[in-house]
PDB file of N, CA and C in Angstrom:
ATOM      1  N   UNK A   1     -66.511  32.628  54.121  1.00  0.00           N
ATOM      2  CA  UNK A   1     -67.029  32.978  52.814  1.00  0.00           C
ATOM      3  C   UNK A   1     -68.520  32.695  52.796  1.00  0.00           C
ATOM      4  N   UNK A   2     -69.266  33.544  52.144  1.00  0.00           N
ATOM      5  CA  UNK A   2     -70.716  33.411  52.092  1.00  0.00           C
ATOM      6  C   UNK A   2     -71.131  32.538  50.913  1.00  0.00           C
ATOM      7  N   UNK A   3     -71.943  31.537  51.180  1.00  0.00           N
ATOM      8  CA  UNK A   3     -72.531  30.702  50.131  1.00  0.00           C
ATOM      9  C   UNK A   3     -73.982  30.479  50.514  1.00  0.00           C
ATOM     10  N   UNK A   4     -74.895  30.835  49.635  1.00  0.00           N
ATOM     11  CA  UNK A   4     -76.310  30.661  49.948  1.00  0.00           C
ATOM     12  C   UNK A   4     -76.778  29.269  49.530  1.00  0.00           C
ATOM     13  N   UNK A   5     -77.878  28.853  50.096  1.00  0.00           N
ATOM     14  CA  UNK A   5     -78.427  27.534  49.809  1.00  0.00           C
ATOM     15  C   UNK A   5     -78.749  27.383  48.324  1.00  0.00           C
ATOM     16  N   UNK A   6     -79.316  28.436  47.737  1.00  0.00           N
ATOM     17  CA  UNK A   6     -79.713  28.381  46.322  1.00  0.00           C
ATOM     18  C   UNK A   6     -78.567  28.795  45.390  1.00  0.00           C
ATOM     19  N   UNK A   7     -77.424  29.114  45.953  1.00  0.00           N
ATOM     20  CA  UNK A   7     -76.231  29.503  45.201  1.00  0.00           C
ATOM     21  C   UNK A   7     -76.499  30.651  44.236  1.00  0.00           C
ATOM     22  N   UNK A   8     -77.243  31.633  44.707  1.00  0.00           N
ATOM     23  CA  UNK A   8     -77.517  32.801  43.880  1.00  0.00           C
ATOM     24  C   UNK A   8     -76.849  34.047  44.439  1.00  0.00           C
ATOM     25  N   UNK A   9     -76.100  33.917  45.517  1.00  0.00           N
ATOM     26  CA  UNK A   9     -75.454  35.066  46.134  1.00  0.00           C
ATOM     27  C   UNK A   9     -74.147  35.466  45.486  1.00  0.00           C
ATOM     28  N   UNK A  10     -73.659  34.664  44.552  1.00  0.00           N
ATOM     29  CA  UNK A  10     -72.353  34.964  43.961  1.00  0.00           C
ATOM     30  C   UNK A  10     -72.378  36.260  43.157  1.00  0.00           C
ATOM     31  N   UNK A  11     -73.534  36.640  42.650  1.00  0.00           N
ATOM     32  CA  UNK A  11     -73.610  37.850  41.839  1.00  0.00           C
ATOM     33  C   UNK A  11     -73.270  39.088  42.650  1.00  0.00           C
ATOM     34  N   UNK A  12     -73.451  39.025  43.960  1.00  0.00           N
ATOM     35  CA  UNK A  12     -73.087  40.136  44.828  1.00  0.00           C
ATOM     36  C   UNK A  12     -71.572  40.266  44.910  1.00  0.00           C
ATOM     37  N   UNK A  13     -70.864  39.139  44.845  1.00  0.00           N
ATOM     38  CA  UNK A  13     -69.424  39.142  45.094  1.00  0.00           C
ATOM     39  C   UNK A  13     -68.570  39.108  43.831  1.00  0.00           C
ATOM     40  N   UNK A  14     -69.138  38.855  42.678  1.00  0.00           N
ATOM     41  CA  UNK A  14     -68.349  38.781  41.440  1.00  0.00           C
ATOM     42  C   UNK A  14     -67.536  40.053  41.184  1.00  0.00           C
ATOM     43  N   UNK A  15     -68.061  41.251  41.456  1.00  0.00           N
ATOM     44  CA  UNK A  15     -67.248  42.446  41.209  1.00  0.00           C
ATOM     45  C   UNK A  15     -65.951  42.500  42.020  1.00  0.00           C
ATOM     46  N   UNK A  16     -65.902  41.857  43.180  1.00  0.00           N
ATOM     47  CA  UNK A  16     -64.696  41.928  44.011  1.00  0.00           C
ATOM     48  C   UNK A  16     -63.499  41.226  43.379  1.00  0.00           C
ATOM     49  N   UNK A  17     -63.606  39.946  43.005  1.00  0.00           N
ATOM     50  CA  UNK A  17     -62.437  39.340  42.350  1.00  0.00           C
ATOM     51  C   UNK A  17     -62.162  39.956  40.980  1.00  0.00           C
ATOM     52  N   UNK A  18     -63.215  40.427  40.317  1.00  0.00           N
ATOM     53  CA  UNK A  18     -63.010  41.089  39.025  1.00  0.00           C
ATOM     54  C   UNK A  18     -62.174  42.352  39.220  1.00  0.00           C
ATOM     55  N   UNK A  19     -62.505  43.132  40.262  1.00  0.00           N
ATOM     56  CA  UNK A  19     -61.735  44.338  40.556  1.00  0.00           C
ATOM     57  C   UNK A  19     -60.297  43.979  40.931  1.00  0.00           C
ATOM     58  N   UNK A  20     -60.136  42.964  41.784  1.00  0.00           N
ATOM     59  CA  UNK A  20     -58.793  42.549  42.197  1.00  0.00           C
ATOM     60  C   UNK A  20     -57.971  42.121  40.984  1.00  0.00           C
ATOM     61  N   UNK A  21     -58.586  41.388  40.082  1.00  0.00           N
ATOM     62  CA  UNK A  21     -57.898  40.939  38.866  1.00  0.00           C
ATOM     63  C   UNK A  21     -57.496  42.135  38.007  1.00  0.00           C
ATOM     64  N   UNK A  22     -58.427  43.070  37.806  1.00  0.00           N
ATOM     65  CA  UNK A  22     -58.158  44.218  36.945  1.00  0.00           C
ATOM     66  C   UNK A  22     -57.210  45.229  37.576  1.00  0.00           C
ATOM     67  N   UNK A  23     -57.006  45.134  38.898  1.00  0.00           N
ATOM     68  CA  UNK A  23     -56.135  46.076  39.586  1.00  0.00           C
ATOM     69  C   UNK A  23     -54.783  45.455  39.941  1.00  0.00           C
ATOM     70  N   UNK A  24     -54.524  44.222  39.507  1.00  0.00           N
ATOM     71  CA  UNK A  24     -53.252  43.570  39.823  1.00  0.00           C
ATOM     72  C   UNK A  24     -52.349  43.547  38.593  1.00  0.00           C
ATOM     73  N   UNK A  25     -51.053  43.510  38.866  1.00  0.00           N
ATOM     74  CA  UNK A  25     -50.077  43.487  37.778  1.00  0.00           C
ATOM     75  C   UNK A  25     -50.125  42.143  37.055  1.00  0.00           C
ATOM     76  N   UNK A  26     -50.157  42.191  35.740  1.00  0.00           N
ATOM     77  CA  UNK A  26     -50.189  40.968  34.946  1.00  0.00           C
ATOM     78  C   UNK A  26     -48.789  40.647  34.441  1.00  0.00           C
ATOM     79  N   UNK A  27     -48.507  39.368  34.319  1.00  0.00           N
ATOM     80  CA  UNK A  27     -47.149  38.933  33.993  1.00  0.00           C
ATOM     81  C   UNK A  27     -46.701  39.380  32.600  1.00  0.00           C
ATOM     82  N   UNK A  28     -47.594  39.443  31.657  1.00  0.00           N
ATOM     83  CA  UNK A  28     -47.203  39.788  30.294  1.00  0.00           C
ATOM     84  C   UNK A  28     -46.893  41.274  30.156  1.00  0.00           C
ATOM     85  N   UNK A  29     -47.794  42.132  30.644  1.00  0.00           N
ATOM     86  CA  UNK A  29     -47.629  43.576  30.471  1.00  0.00           C
ATOM     87  C   UNK A  29     -46.866  44.229  31.614  1.00  0.00           C
ATOM     88  N   UNK A  30     -46.768  43.536  32.757  1.00  0.00           N
ATOM     89  CA  UNK A  30     -46.181  44.090  33.984  1.00  0.00           C
ATOM     90  C   UNK A  30     -46.955  45.323  34.455  1.00  0.00           C
ATOM     91  N   UNK A  31     -48.204  45.427  34.041  1.00  0.00           N
ATOM     92  CA  UNK A  31     -49.080  46.524  34.446  1.00  0.00           C
ATOM     93  C   UNK A  31     -50.473  45.971  34.667  1.00  0.00           C
ATOM     94  N   UNK A  32     -51.279  46.716  35.414  1.00  0.00           N
ATOM     95  CA  UNK A  32     -52.657  46.290  35.634  1.00  0.00           C
ATOM     96  C   UNK A  32     -53.509  46.685  34.432  1.00  0.00           C
ATOM     97  N   UNK A  33     -54.595  45.951  34.166  1.00  0.00           N
ATOM     98  CA  UNK A  33     -55.487  46.351  33.080  1.00  0.00           C
ATOM     99  C   UNK A  33     -56.046  47.766  33.266  1.00  0.00           C
ATOM    100  N   UNK A  34     -56.323  48.174  34.524  1.00  0.00           N
ATOM    101  CA  UNK A  34     -56.778  49.548  34.770  1.00  0.00           C
ATOM    102  C   UNK A  34     -55.743  50.546  34.265  1.00  0.00           C
ATOM    103  N   UNK A  35     -54.476  50.290  34.561  1.00  0.00           N
ATOM    104  CA  UNK A  35     -53.413  51.200  34.143  1.00  0.00           C
ATOM    105  C   UNK A  35     -53.291  51.221  32.628  1.00  0.00           C
ATOM    106  N   UNK A  36     -53.391  50.073  31.997  1.00  0.00           N
ATOM    107  CA  UNK A  36     -53.286  50.002  30.538  1.00  0.00           C
ATOM    108  C   UNK A  36     -54.440  50.747  29.873  1.00  0.00           C
ATOM    109  N   UNK A  37     -55.657  50.559  30.383  1.00  0.00           N
ATOM    110  CA  UNK A  37     -56.835  51.150  29.741  1.00  0.00           C
ATOM    111  C   UNK A  37     -57.022  52.620  30.095  1.00  0.00           C
ATOM    112  N   UNK A  38     -56.894  52.954  31.398  1.00  0.00           N
ATOM    113  CA  UNK A  38     -57.226  54.307  31.854  1.00  0.00           C
ATOM    114  C   UNK A  38     -56.008  55.185  32.131  1.00  0.00           C
ATOM    115  N   UNK A  39     -54.815  54.614  32.086  1.00  0.00           N
ATOM    116  CA  UNK A  39     -53.617  55.402  32.323  1.00  0.00           C
ATOM    117  C   UNK A  39     -53.262  55.580  33.784  1.00  0.00           C
ATOM    118  N   UNK A  40     -54.065  55.044  34.696  1.00  0.00           N
ATOM    119  CA  UNK A  40     -53.777  55.117  36.130  1.00  0.00           C
ATOM    120  C   UNK A  40     -54.550  54.036  36.866  1.00  0.00           C
ATOM    121  N   UNK A  41     -54.032  53.663  38.022  1.00  0.00           N
ATOM    122  CA  UNK A  41     -54.732  52.705  38.869  1.00  0.00           C
ATOM    123  C   UNK A  41     -55.727  53.451  39.748  1.00  0.00           C
ATOM    124  N   UNK A  42     -56.817  52.815  40.128  1.00  0.00           N
ATOM    125  CA  UNK A  42     -57.785  53.487  40.992  1.00  0.00           C
ATOM    126  C   UNK A  42     -57.172  53.791  42.355  1.00  0.00           C
ATOM    127  N   UNK A  43     -57.596  54.898  42.936  1.00  0.00           N
ATOM    128  CA  UNK A  43     -57.092  55.310  44.243  1.00  0.00           C
ATOM    129  C   UNK A  43     -58.254  55.383  45.220  1.00  0.00           C
ATOM    130  N   UNK A  44     -58.042  54.834  46.412  1.00  0.00           N
ATOM    131  CA  UNK A  44     -59.112  54.812  47.407  1.00  0.00           C
ATOM    132  C   UNK A  44     -58.707  55.485  48.707  1.00  0.00           C
ATOM    133  N   UNK A  45     -57.579  56.182  48.728  1.00  0.00           N
ATOM    134  CA  UNK A  45     -57.119  56.798  49.965  1.00  0.00           C
ATOM    135  C   UNK A  45     -58.081  57.865  50.487  1.00  0.00           C
ATOM    136  N   UNK A  46     -58.819  58.524  49.601  1.00  0.00           N
ATOM    137  CA  UNK A  46     -59.677  59.628  50.034  1.00  0.00           C
ATOM    138  C   UNK A  46     -61.077  59.182  50.452  1.00  0.00           C
ATOM    139  N   UNK A  47     -61.373  57.905  50.381  1.00  0.00           N
ATOM    140  CA  UNK A  47     -62.698  57.426  50.757  1.00  0.00           C
ATOM    141  C   UNK A  47     -62.714  57.134  52.252  1.00  0.00           C
ATOM    142  N   UNK A  48     -63.590  57.841  52.982  1.00  0.00           N
ATOM    143  CA  UNK A  48     -63.729  57.628  54.424  1.00  0.00           C
ATOM    144  C   UNK A  48     -65.183  57.299  54.719  1.00  0.00           C
ATOM    145  N   UNK A  49     -65.423  56.110  55.214  1.00  0.00           N
ATOM    146  CA  UNK A  49     -66.780  55.661  55.522  1.00  0.00           C
ATOM    147  C   UNK A  49     -66.823  55.281  56.988  1.00  0.00           C
ATOM    148  N   UNK A  50     -67.827  55.777  57.691  1.00  0.00           N
ATOM    149  CA  UNK A  50     -67.999  55.400  59.092  1.00  0.00           C
ATOM    150  C   UNK A  50     -68.260  53.903  59.168  1.00  0.00           C
ATOM    151  N   UNK A  51     -67.529  53.227  60.050  1.00  0.00           N
ATOM    152  CA  UNK A  51     -67.682  51.779  60.178  1.00  0.00           C
ATOM    153  C   UNK A  51     -69.006  51.392  60.823  1.00  0.00           C
ATOM    154  N   UNK A  52     -69.728  52.362  61.410  1.00  0.00           N
ATOM    155  CA  UNK A  52     -71.016  52.070  62.041  1.00  0.00           C
ATOM    156  C   UNK A  52     -72.176  52.117  61.051  1.00  0.00           C
ATOM    157  N   UNK A  53     -71.963  52.709  59.887  1.00  0.00           N
ATOM    158  CA  UNK A  53     -73.039  52.823  58.907  1.00  0.00           C
ATOM    159  C   UNK A  53     -73.184  51.509  58.139  1.00  0.00           C
ATOM    160  N   UNK A  54     -74.343  51.297  57.502  1.00  0.00           N
ATOM    161  CA  UNK A  54     -74.490  50.088  56.675  1.00  0.00           C
ATOM    162  C   UNK A  54     -73.426  50.006  55.578  1.00  0.00           C
ATOM    163  N   UNK A  55     -73.087  51.153  54.997  1.00  0.00           N
ATOM    164  CA  UNK A  55     -72.043  51.156  53.965  1.00  0.00           C
ATOM    165  C   UNK A  55     -70.698  50.782  54.567  1.00  0.00           C
ATOM    166  N   UNK A  56     -70.455  51.219  55.795  1.00  0.00           N
ATOM    167  CA  UNK A  56     -69.205  50.875  56.472  1.00  0.00           C
ATOM    168  C   UNK A  56     -69.116  49.393  56.766  1.00  0.00           C
ATOM    169  N   UNK A  57     -70.239  48.813  57.185  1.00  0.00           N
ATOM    170  CA  UNK A  57     -70.262  47.372  57.456  1.00  0.00           C
ATOM    171  C   UNK A  57     -70.046  46.584  56.169  1.00  0.00           C
ATOM    172  N   UNK A  58     -70.685  47.040  55.090  1.00  0.00           N
ATOM    173  CA  UNK A  58     -70.496  46.380  53.798  1.00  0.00           C
ATOM    174  C   UNK A  58     -69.049  46.534  53.333  1.00  0.00           C
ATOM    175  N   UNK A  59     -68.493  47.721  53.551  1.00  0.00           N
ATOM    176  CA  UNK A  59     -67.102  47.960  53.177  1.00  0.00           C
ATOM    177  C   UNK A  59     -66.166  47.037  53.949  1.00  0.00           C
ATOM    178  N   UNK A  60     -66.433  46.863  55.239  1.00  0.00           N
ATOM    179  CA  UNK A  60     -65.616  45.965  56.055  1.00  0.00           C
ATOM    180  C   UNK A  60     -65.718  44.534  55.548  1.00  0.00           C
ATOM    181  N   UNK A  61     -66.935  44.113  55.208  1.00  0.00           N
ATOM    182  CA  UNK A  61     -67.125  42.755  54.688  1.00  0.00           C
ATOM    183  C   UNK A  61     -66.409  42.598  53.345  1.00  0.00           C
ATOM    184  N   UNK A  62     -66.503  43.613  52.495  1.00  0.00           N
ATOM    185  CA  UNK A  62     -65.819  43.565  51.200  1.00  0.00           C
ATOM    186  C   UNK A  62     -64.313  43.466  51.396  1.00  0.00           C
ATOM    187  N   UNK A  63     -63.788  44.211  52.361  1.00  0.00           N
ATOM    188  CA  UNK A  63     -62.348  44.159  52.614  1.00  0.00           C
ATOM    189  C   UNK A  63     -61.923  42.767  53.069  1.00  0.00           C
ATOM    190  N   UNK A  64     -62.740  42.148  53.913  1.00  0.00           N
ATOM    191  CA  UNK A  64     -62.377  40.805  54.381  1.00  0.00           C
ATOM    192  C   UNK A  64     -62.462  39.791  53.239  1.00  0.00           C
ATOM    193  N   UNK A  65     -63.469  39.924  52.386  1.00  0.00           N
ATOM    194  CA  UNK A  65     -63.581  39.025  51.231  1.00  0.00           C
ATOM    195  C   UNK A  65     -62.410  39.253  50.281  1.00  0.00           C
ATOM    196  N   UNK A  66     -62.049  40.509  50.091  1.00  0.00           N
ATOM    197  CA  UNK A  66     -60.931  40.822  49.204  1.00  0.00           C
ATOM    198  C   UNK A  66     -59.631  40.227  49.753  1.00  0.00           C
ATOM    199  N   UNK A  67     -59.466  40.249  51.068  1.00  0.00           N
ATOM    200  CA  UNK A  67     -58.279  39.661  51.680  1.00  0.00           C
ATOM    201  C   UNK A  67     -58.250  38.150  51.458  1.00  0.00           C
ATOM    202  N   UNK A  68     -59.411  37.504  51.598  1.00  0.00           N
ATOM    203  CA  UNK A  68     -59.488  36.055  51.368  1.00  0.00           C
ATOM    204  C   UNK A  68     -59.137  35.733  49.920  1.00  0.00           C
ATOM    205  N   UNK A  69     -59.673  36.513  48.989  1.00  0.00           N
ATOM    206  CA  UNK A  69     -59.386  36.294  47.567  1.00  0.00           C
ATOM    207  C   UNK A  69     -57.891  36.470  47.302  1.00  0.00           C
ATOM    208  N   UNK A  70     -57.298  37.505  47.890  1.00  0.00           N
ATOM    209  CA  UNK A  70     -55.865  37.744  47.706  1.00  0.00           C
ATOM    210  C   UNK A  70     -55.047  36.565  48.234  1.00  0.00           C
ATOM    211  N   UNK A  71     -55.396  36.070  49.415  1.00  0.00           N
ATOM    212  CA  UNK A  71     -54.671  34.938  49.995  1.00  0.00           C
ATOM    213  C   UNK A  71     -54.822  33.681  49.138  1.00  0.00           C
ATOM    214  N   UNK A  72     -56.022  33.461  48.613  1.00  0.00           N
ATOM    215  CA  UNK A  72     -56.242  32.288  47.763  1.00  0.00           C
ATOM    216  C   UNK A  72     -55.458  32.393  46.456  1.00  0.00           C
ATOM    217  N   UNK A  73     -55.390  33.597  45.891  1.00  0.00           N
ATOM    218  CA  UNK A  73     -54.610  33.783  44.666  1.00  0.00           C
ATOM    219  C   UNK A  73     -53.126  33.547  44.924  1.00  0.00           C
ATOM    220  N   UNK A  74     -52.624  34.030  46.065  1.00  0.00           N
ATOM    221  CA  UNK A  74     -51.220  33.807  46.399  1.00  0.00           C
ATOM    222  C   UNK A  74     -50.937  32.317  46.590  1.00  0.00           C
ATOM    223  N   UNK A  75     -51.861  31.611  47.215  1.00  0.00           N
ATOM    224  CA  UNK A  75     -51.715  30.165  47.393  1.00  0.00           C
ATOM    225  C   UNK A  75     -51.696  29.452  46.037  1.00  0.00           C
ATOM    226  N   UNK A  76     -52.588  29.868  45.139  1.00  0.00           N
ATOM    227  CA  UNK A  76     -52.636  29.265  43.802  1.00  0.00           C
ATOM    228  C   UNK A  76     -51.336  29.515  43.046  1.00  0.00           C
ATOM    229  N   UNK A  77     -50.787  30.704  43.178  1.00  0.00           N
ATOM    230  CA  UNK A  77     -49.523  31.021  42.504  1.00  0.00           C
ATOM    231  C   UNK A  77     -48.410  30.117  43.017  1.00  0.00           C
ATOM    232  N   UNK A  78     -48.352  29.923  44.335  1.00  0.00           N
ATOM    233  CA  UNK A  78     -47.324  29.035  44.897  1.00  0.00           C
ATOM    234  C   UNK A  78     -47.511  27.602  44.397  1.00  0.00           C
ATOM    235  N   UNK A  79     -48.778  27.163  44.321  1.00  0.00           N
ATOM    236  CA  UNK A  79     -49.061  25.814  43.832  1.00  0.00           C
ATOM    237  C   UNK A  79     -48.642  25.661  42.371  1.00  0.00           C
ATOM    238  N   UNK A  80     -48.982  26.648  41.542  1.00  0.00           N
ATOM    239  CA  UNK A  80     -48.603  26.602  40.128  1.00  0.00           C
ATOM    240  C   UNK A  80     -47.086  26.544  39.988  1.00  0.00           C
ATOM    241  N   UNK A  81     -46.389  27.360  40.776  1.00  0.00           N
ATOM    242  CA  UNK A  81     -44.927  27.381  40.710  1.00  0.00           C
ATOM    243  C   UNK A  81     -44.352  26.032  41.118  1.00  0.00           C
ATOM    244  N   UNK A  82     -44.904  25.439  42.156  1.00  0.00           N
ATOM    245  CA  UNK A  82     -44.415  24.141  42.633  1.00  0.00           C
ATOM    246  C   UNK A  82     -44.507  23.093  41.524  1.00  0.00           C
ATOM    247  N   UNK A  83     -45.646  23.026  40.847  1.00  0.00           N
ATOM    248  CA  UNK A  83     -45.829  22.022  39.799  1.00  0.00           C
ATOM    249  C   UNK A  83     -45.046  22.370  38.535  1.00  0.00           C
ATOM    250  N   UNK A  84     -44.888  23.649  38.248  1.00  0.00           N
ATOM    251  CA  UNK A  84     -44.106  24.038  37.076  1.00  0.00           C
ATOM    252  C   UNK A  84     -42.629  23.744  37.292  1.00  0.00           C
ATOM    253  N   UNK A  85     -42.155  23.934  38.528  1.00  0.00           N
ATOM    254  CA  UNK A  85     -40.740  23.711  38.825  1.00  0.00           C
ATOM    255  C   UNK A  85     -40.373  22.229  38.906  1.00  0.00           C
ATOM    256  N   UNK A  86     -41.355  21.360  39.053  1.00  0.00           N
ATOM    257  CA  UNK A  86     -41.073  19.922  39.168  1.00  0.00           C
ATOM    258  C   UNK A  86     -40.302  19.387  37.972  1.00  0.00           C
ATOM    259  N   UNK A  87     -40.656  19.822  36.787  1.00  0.00           N
ATOM    260  CA  UNK A  87     -40.051  19.286  35.566  1.00  0.00           C
ATOM    261  C   UNK A  87     -38.959  20.181  34.991  1.00  0.00           C
ATOM    262  N   UNK A  88     -38.603  21.224  35.707  1.00  0.00           N
ATOM    263  CA  UNK A  88     -37.552  22.110  35.220  1.00  0.00           C
ATOM    264  C   UNK A  88     -36.190  21.554  35.599  1.00  0.00           C
ATOM    265  N   UNK A  89     -35.253  21.761  34.712  1.00  0.00           N
ATOM    266  CA  UNK A  89     -33.878  21.348  34.987  1.00  0.00           C
ATOM    267  C   UNK A  89     -32.970  22.561  34.846  1.00  0.00           C
ATOM    268  N   UNK A  90     -31.780  22.435  35.375  1.00  0.00           N
ATOM    269  CA  UNK A  90     -30.805  23.516  35.258  1.00  0.00           C
ATOM    270  C   UNK A  90     -30.323  23.549  33.812  1.00  0.00           C
ATOM    271  N   UNK A  91     -30.341  24.725  33.182  1.00  0.00           N
ATOM    272  CA  UNK A  91     -29.900  24.788  31.784  1.00  0.00           C
ATOM    273  C   UNK A  91     -28.411  24.458  31.681  1.00  0.00           C
ATOM    274  N   UNK A  92     -28.023  23.828  30.589  1.00  0.00           N
ATOM    275  CA  UNK A  92     -26.606  23.462  30.428  1.00  0.00           C
ATOM    276  C   UNK A  92     -25.742  24.707  30.247  1.00  0.00           C
ATOM    277  N   UNK A  93     -24.560  24.661  30.798  1.00  0.00           N
ATOM    278  CA  UNK A  93     -23.618  25.770  30.619  1.00  0.00           C
ATOM    279  C   UNK A  93     -22.848  25.599  29.321  1.00  0.00           C
ATOM    280  N   UNK A  94     -22.684  26.649  28.587  1.00  0.00           N
ATOM    281  CA  UNK A  94     -21.966  26.571  27.310  1.00  0.00           C
ATOM    282  C   UNK A  94     -20.657  27.285  27.400  1.00  0.00           C
TER     283      UNK A  94
END
């Protein structure tokens, strides 16, 4: 993960987790905010960028950062579940 000495590089990366958040299914609506607002999720299948171009290199870096963010979110979800389940009990049978 990139962190600059002056900690001003985060503005470059803020759109990535924001996009991931807005493109993921939310527990309350069971839909992504993009789907709720625009009626469809964004599609990227038709985007082809040469990996040798500067845009391709940036795209590759964005993909790796997005993967790290996804893995961290999955880890956080498991952690939240672990702590939430600690105090749960089996409901009584009636």
